[in-house]
C-alpha atoms as a PDB file:
ATOM      1  CA  MET A   1       0.000   0.000   0.000  1.00  0.00           C
ATOM      2  CA  ILE A   2       2.823   2.408   0.861  1.00  0.00           C
ATOM      3  CA  ASP A   3       4.562   1.555  -2.411  1.00  0.00           C
ATOM      4  CA  ARG A   4       1.342   2.218  -4.279  1.00  0.00           C
ATOM      5  CA  ARG A   5       0.955   5.683  -2.773  1.00  0.00           C
ATOM      6  CA  ASN A   6       4.590   6.453  -3.452  1.00  0.00           C
ATOM      7  CA  SER A   7       4.277   5.454  -7.096  1.00  0.00           C
ATOM      8  CA  HIS A   8       1.166   7.633  -7.359  1.00  0.00           C
ATOM      9  CA  ALA A   9       3.099  10.601  -5.983  1.00  0.00           C
ATOM     10  CA  ASN A  10       5.921   9.927  -8.437  1.00  0.00           C
ATOM     11  CA  PHE A  11       3.399   9.779 -11.279  1.00  0.00           C
ATOM     12  CA  LEU A  12       1.954  13.141 -10.247  1.00  0.00           C
ATOM     13  CA  LYS A  13       5.449  14.586 -10.037  1.00  0.00           C
ATOM     14  CA  LEU A  14       6.241  13.280 -13.510  1.00  0.00           C
ATOM     15  CA  ASN A  15       2.999  14.738 -14.871  1.00  0.00           C
ATOM     16  CA  PHE A  16       3.809  18.089 -13.272  1.00  0.00           C
ATOM     17  CA  THR A  17       7.307  18.216 -14.774  1.00  0.00           C
ATOM     18  CA  LEU A  18       5.923  17.219 -18.171  1.00  0.00           C
ATOM     19  CA  MET A  19       3.339  19.989 -17.973  1.00  0.00           C
ATOM     20  CA  LEU A  20       6.002  22.489 -16.910  1.00  0.00           C
ATOM     21  CA  SER A  21       8.256  21.580 -19.823  1.00  0.00           C
ATOM     22  CA  LYS A  22       5.302  21.790 -22.215  1.00  0.00           C
ATOM     23  CA  ILE A  23       4.338  25.234 -20.904  1.00  0.00           C
ATOM     24  CA  HIS A  24       7.983  26.323 -21.065  1.00  0.00           C
ATOM     25  CA  SER A  25       8.325  25.268 -24.708  1.00  0.00           C
ATOM     26  CA  LEU A  26       5.004  26.940 -25.526  1.00  0.00           C
ATOM     27  CA  MET A  27       6.109  30.188 -23.887  1.00  0.00           C
ATOM     28  CA  ARG A  28       9.390  30.070 -25.807  1.00  0.00           C
ATOM     29  CA  LEU A  29       7.492  29.481 -29.054  1.00  0.00           C
ATOM     30  CA  ILE A  30       5.134  32.410 -28.388  1.00  0.00           C
ATOM     31  CA  LYS A  31       8.056  34.647 -27.399  1.00  0.00           C
ATOM     32  CA  PHE A  32       9.943  33.631 -30.521  1.00  0.00           C
ATOM     33  CA  LYS A  33       6.916  34.318 -32.739  1.00  0.00           C
ATOM     34  CA  LYS A  34       6.351  37.702 -31.094  1.00  0.00           C
ATOM     35  CA  LEU A  35      10.018  38.560 -31.510  1.00  0.00           C
ATOM     36  CA  LYS A  36       9.892  37.499 -35.159  1.00  0.00           C
ATOM     37  CA  SER A  37       6.775  39.556 -35.906  1.00  0.00           C
ATOM     38  CA  PHE A  38       8.271  42.507 -34.019  1.00  0.00           C
ATOM     39  CA  SER A  39      11.483  42.369 -36.074  1.00  0.00           C
ATOM     40  CA  ASN A  40       9.426  42.049 -39.256  1.00  0.00           C
ATOM     41  CA  ASN A  41       7.374  45.101 -38.308  1.00  0.00           C
ATOM     42  CA  GLY A  42      10.568  46.985 -37.536  1.00  0.00           C
ATOM     43  CA  ILE A  43      11.970  46.135 -40.956  1.00  0.00           C
ATOM     44  CA  GLN A  44       8.703  47.198 -42.605  1.00  0.00           C
ATOM     45  CA  THR A  45       8.722  50.575 -40.843  1.00  0.00           C
ATOM     46  CA  LEU A  46      12.344  51.115 -41.875  1.00  0.00           C
END
């Protein structure tokens, strides 16, 4: 029973880290896209 609970906690931890990495990559993608569009706009105004 103790092992079962421990494995459950580990599973939750794994899920959490996976979610964090997913969010991190998403944020980087959004930042990159914003940066790209910003640089494009800057070039257009120039």
